[in-house]
Amino acid sequence: ESYIHLDKSQVSNRFSNFREIKVPTHKLFVLGDNRNHSKDSRNTLGLIDESNIIGKVEMVFYPFDHIKWIK
């Protein structure tokens, strides 16, 4: 992404040549929060089946002007 400034000496080669992909319906592409070093859909997990996601949304915290609890 053009808005991310990468120090090429700090980024693993497995992230430097990632190409654009189309994510099919009912699949998810996940990124780790330490983008340049995470194990995520780009290199380890691949696309995740939507049915494998287990969890409950309790709060929206971003964007900051829309923070709210989910009932």
N, C-alpha and C. Protein backbone atom coordinates (compact mmCIF):
# COMPACT_ATOMS: atom_id res chain seq x y z
N GLU A 1 0.83 -1.17 0.00
CA GLU A 1 0.00 0.00 0.00
C GLU A 1 0.87 1.23 0.00
N SER A 2 0.52 2.17 -0.79
CA SER A 2 1.36 3.35 -0.98
C SER A 2 1.47 4.22 0.27
N TYR A 3 0.51 4.13 1.18
CA TYR A 3 0.55 4.97 2.38
C TYR A 3 1.43 4.39 3.49
N ILE A 4 1.91 3.18 3.30
CA ILE A 4 2.79 2.56 4.30
C ILE A 4 4.23 2.78 3.88
N HIS A 5 4.99 3.33 4.79
CA HIS A 5 6.40 3.58 4.53
C HIS A 5 7.21 2.41 5.08
N LEU A 6 7.84 1.67 4.20
CA LEU A 6 8.58 0.49 4.60
C LEU A 6 10.07 0.73 4.57
N ASP A 7 10.72 0.30 5.61
CA ASP A 7 12.17 0.24 5.62
C ASP A 7 12.51 -1.15 5.12
N LYS A 8 12.93 -1.26 3.88
CA LYS A 8 13.15 -2.56 3.24
C LYS A 8 14.11 -3.45 4.04
N SER A 9 15.01 -2.85 4.81
CA SER A 9 15.93 -3.66 5.60
C SER A 9 15.23 -4.32 6.78
N GLN A 10 14.03 -3.85 7.13
CA GLN A 10 13.29 -4.38 8.28
C GLN A 10 12.15 -5.32 7.88
N VAL A 11 11.91 -5.47 6.58
CA VAL A 11 10.77 -6.25 6.11
C VAL A 11 11.25 -7.55 5.49
N SER A 12 10.61 -8.64 5.88
CA SER A 12 10.94 -9.94 5.32
C SER A 12 10.61 -9.96 3.82
N ASN A 13 11.36 -10.73 3.04
CA ASN A 13 11.11 -10.84 1.60
C ASN A 13 9.72 -11.39 1.29
N ARG A 14 9.17 -12.19 2.19
CA ARG A 14 7.85 -12.79 1.92
C ARG A 14 6.74 -11.74 1.84
N PHE A 15 6.99 -10.52 2.33
CA PHE A 15 5.99 -9.46 2.26
C PHE A 15 6.25 -8.49 1.11
N SER A 16 7.43 -8.47 0.58
CA SER A 16 7.79 -7.44 -0.39
C SER A 16 7.21 -7.68 -1.78
N ASN A 17 6.81 -8.90 -2.09
CA ASN A 17 6.31 -9.19 -3.44
C ASN A 17 4.86 -9.67 -3.43
N PHE A 18 4.09 -9.25 -2.44
CA PHE A 18 2.70 -9.69 -2.36
C PHE A 18 1.88 -9.00 -3.44
N ARG A 19 1.05 -9.77 -4.13
CA ARG A 19 0.27 -9.23 -5.24
C ARG A 19 -1.19 -9.02 -4.82
N GLU A 20 -1.91 -8.25 -5.62
CA GLU A 20 -3.33 -8.02 -5.38
C GLU A 20 -4.10 -9.31 -5.64
N ILE A 21 -5.07 -9.62 -4.79
CA ILE A 21 -5.91 -10.80 -4.98
C ILE A 21 -7.38 -10.41 -4.83
N LYS A 22 -8.26 -11.24 -5.36
CA LYS A 22 -9.69 -11.06 -5.17
C LYS A 22 -10.13 -12.08 -4.12
N VAL A 23 -10.76 -11.59 -3.06
CA VAL A 23 -11.22 -12.46 -1.98
C VAL A 23 -12.63 -12.94 -2.32
N PRO A 24 -12.81 -14.25 -2.44
CA PRO A 24 -14.12 -14.79 -2.79
C PRO A 24 -15.16 -14.56 -1.68
N THR A 25 -16.42 -14.66 -2.05
CA THR A 25 -17.52 -14.56 -1.10
C THR A 25 -17.35 -15.61 0.00
N HIS A 26 -17.64 -15.23 1.23
CA HIS A 26 -17.58 -16.09 2.42
C HIS A 26 -16.15 -16.50 2.80
N LYS A 27 -15.19 -15.77 2.30
CA LYS A 27 -13.79 -15.94 2.71
C LYS A 27 -13.32 -14.63 3.31
N LEU A 28 -12.31 -14.68 4.16
CA LEU A 28 -11.75 -13.48 4.77
C LEU A 28 -10.25 -13.46 4.59
N PHE A 29 -9.72 -12.28 4.38
CA PHE A 29 -8.28 -12.05 4.28
C PHE A 29 -7.91 -11.30 5.55
N VAL A 30 -7.02 -11.87 6.36
CA VAL A 30 -6.68 -11.26 7.64
C VAL A 30 -5.23 -10.79 7.65
N LEU A 31 -5.03 -9.64 8.31
CA LEU A 31 -3.69 -9.08 8.49
C LEU A 31 -3.40 -9.00 9.98
N GLY A 32 -2.16 -9.29 10.35
CA GLY A 32 -1.76 -9.13 11.73
C GLY A 32 -1.51 -7.67 12.06
N ASP A 33 -1.47 -7.37 13.35
CA ASP A 33 -1.30 -5.97 13.75
C ASP A 33 0.15 -5.51 13.64
N ASN A 34 1.08 -6.42 13.48
CA ASN A 34 2.47 -6.08 13.22
C ASN A 34 2.73 -6.44 11.76
N ARG A 35 2.13 -5.67 10.88
CA ARG A 35 1.99 -6.01 9.47
C ARG A 35 3.25 -6.51 8.79
N ASN A 36 4.38 -5.94 9.09
CA ASN A 36 5.60 -6.33 8.37
C ASN A 36 6.22 -7.62 8.89
N HIS A 37 5.71 -8.16 9.99
CA HIS A 37 6.30 -9.37 10.57
C HIS A 37 5.26 -10.40 10.99
N SER A 38 4.00 -10.18 10.70
CA SER A 38 2.92 -11.06 11.16
C SER A 38 2.76 -12.30 10.30
N LYS A 39 2.25 -13.35 10.93
CA LYS A 39 1.82 -14.54 10.21
C LYS A 39 0.33 -14.35 9.95
N ASP A 40 -0.03 -14.16 8.70
CA ASP A 40 -1.42 -13.83 8.37
C ASP A 40 -1.79 -14.40 7.01
N SER A 41 -2.81 -13.86 6.37
CA SER A 41 -3.28 -14.40 5.09
C SER A 41 -2.26 -14.28 3.97
N ARG A 42 -1.32 -13.37 4.10
CA ARG A 42 -0.33 -13.18 3.04
C ARG A 42 0.68 -14.31 2.96
N ASN A 43 0.96 -14.98 4.07
CA ASN A 43 2.08 -15.91 4.04
C ASN A 43 1.87 -17.22 4.78
N THR A 44 0.95 -17.28 5.71
CA THR A 44 0.81 -18.48 6.53
C THR A 44 -0.60 -19.05 6.51
N LEU A 45 -1.58 -18.23 6.79
CA LEU A 45 -2.95 -18.71 6.96
C LEU A 45 -3.73 -18.86 5.68
N GLY A 46 -3.41 -18.07 4.68
CA GLY A 46 -4.23 -18.05 3.48
C GLY A 46 -5.59 -17.43 3.78
N LEU A 47 -6.55 -17.66 2.91
CA LEU A 47 -7.90 -17.13 3.12
C LEU A 47 -8.62 -17.97 4.17
N ILE A 48 -9.40 -17.32 5.02
CA ILE A 48 -10.10 -17.98 6.11
C ILE A 48 -11.57 -18.14 5.73
N ASP A 49 -12.14 -19.32 5.98
CA ASP A 49 -13.57 -19.50 5.77
C ASP A 49 -14.34 -18.69 6.80
N GLU A 50 -15.30 -17.92 6.33
CA GLU A 50 -16.12 -17.09 7.22
C GLU A 50 -16.74 -17.92 8.34
N SER A 51 -17.10 -19.16 8.05
CA SER A 51 -17.74 -20.03 9.04
C SER A 51 -16.79 -20.43 10.18
N ASN A 52 -15.48 -20.23 10.00
CA ASN A 52 -14.51 -20.57 11.04
C ASN A 52 -14.30 -19.45 12.05
N ILE A 53 -14.91 -18.31 11.82
CA ILE A 53 -14.75 -17.19 12.74
C ILE A 53 -15.76 -17.35 13.88
N ILE A 54 -15.23 -17.41 15.09
CA ILE A 54 -16.07 -17.53 16.28
C ILE A 54 -15.79 -16.33 17.16
N GLY A 55 -16.80 -15.60 17.49
CA GLY A 55 -16.60 -14.44 18.34
C GLY A 55 -17.85 -13.59 18.41
N LYS A 56 -17.76 -12.57 19.23
CA LYS A 56 -18.89 -11.67 19.42
C LYS A 56 -18.36 -10.25 19.45
N VAL A 57 -18.95 -9.40 18.63
CA VAL A 57 -18.58 -7.98 18.63
C VAL A 57 -19.22 -7.34 19.85
N GLU A 58 -18.41 -6.66 20.65
CA GLU A 58 -18.94 -5.98 21.82
C GLU A 58 -18.78 -4.47 21.74
N MET A 59 -17.78 -4.01 20.97
CA MET A 59 -17.53 -2.58 20.92
C MET A 59 -16.90 -2.19 19.60
N VAL A 60 -17.31 -1.05 19.08
CA VAL A 60 -16.66 -0.43 17.93
C VAL A 60 -15.78 0.67 18.50
N PHE A 61 -14.49 0.62 18.21
CA PHE A 61 -13.60 1.64 18.78
C PHE A 61 -12.91 2.49 17.73
N TYR A 62 -13.17 2.24 16.47
CA TYR A 62 -12.59 3.07 15.42
C TYR A 62 -13.57 3.16 14.27
N PRO A 63 -13.76 4.31 13.70
CA PRO A 63 -13.08 5.57 13.96
C PRO A 63 -13.46 6.14 15.33
N PHE A 64 -12.53 6.88 15.91
CA PHE A 64 -12.68 7.35 17.28
C PHE A 64 -13.93 8.19 17.51
N ASP A 65 -14.41 8.87 16.49
CA ASP A 65 -15.62 9.68 16.68
C ASP A 65 -16.90 8.84 16.60
N HIS A 66 -16.76 7.52 16.45
CA HIS A 66 -17.91 6.61 16.41
C HIS A 66 -17.77 5.47 17.43
N ILE A 67 -17.04 5.69 18.51
CA ILE A 67 -16.89 4.66 19.54
C ILE A 67 -18.25 4.37 20.15
N LYS A 68 -18.58 3.06 20.25
CA LYS A 68 -19.87 2.68 20.85
C LYS A 68 -19.85 1.22 21.27
N TRP A 69 -20.70 0.89 22.22
CA TRP A 69 -20.92 -0.48 22.64
C TRP A 69 -21.98 -1.10 21.73
N ILE A 70 -21.85 -2.36 21.42
CA ILE A 70 -22.82 -3.08 20.61
C ILE A 70 -23.73 -3.86 21.55
N LYS A 71 -25.03 -3.72 21.38
CA LYS A 71 -25.99 -4.42 22.26
C LYS A 71 -26.30 -5.80 21.72
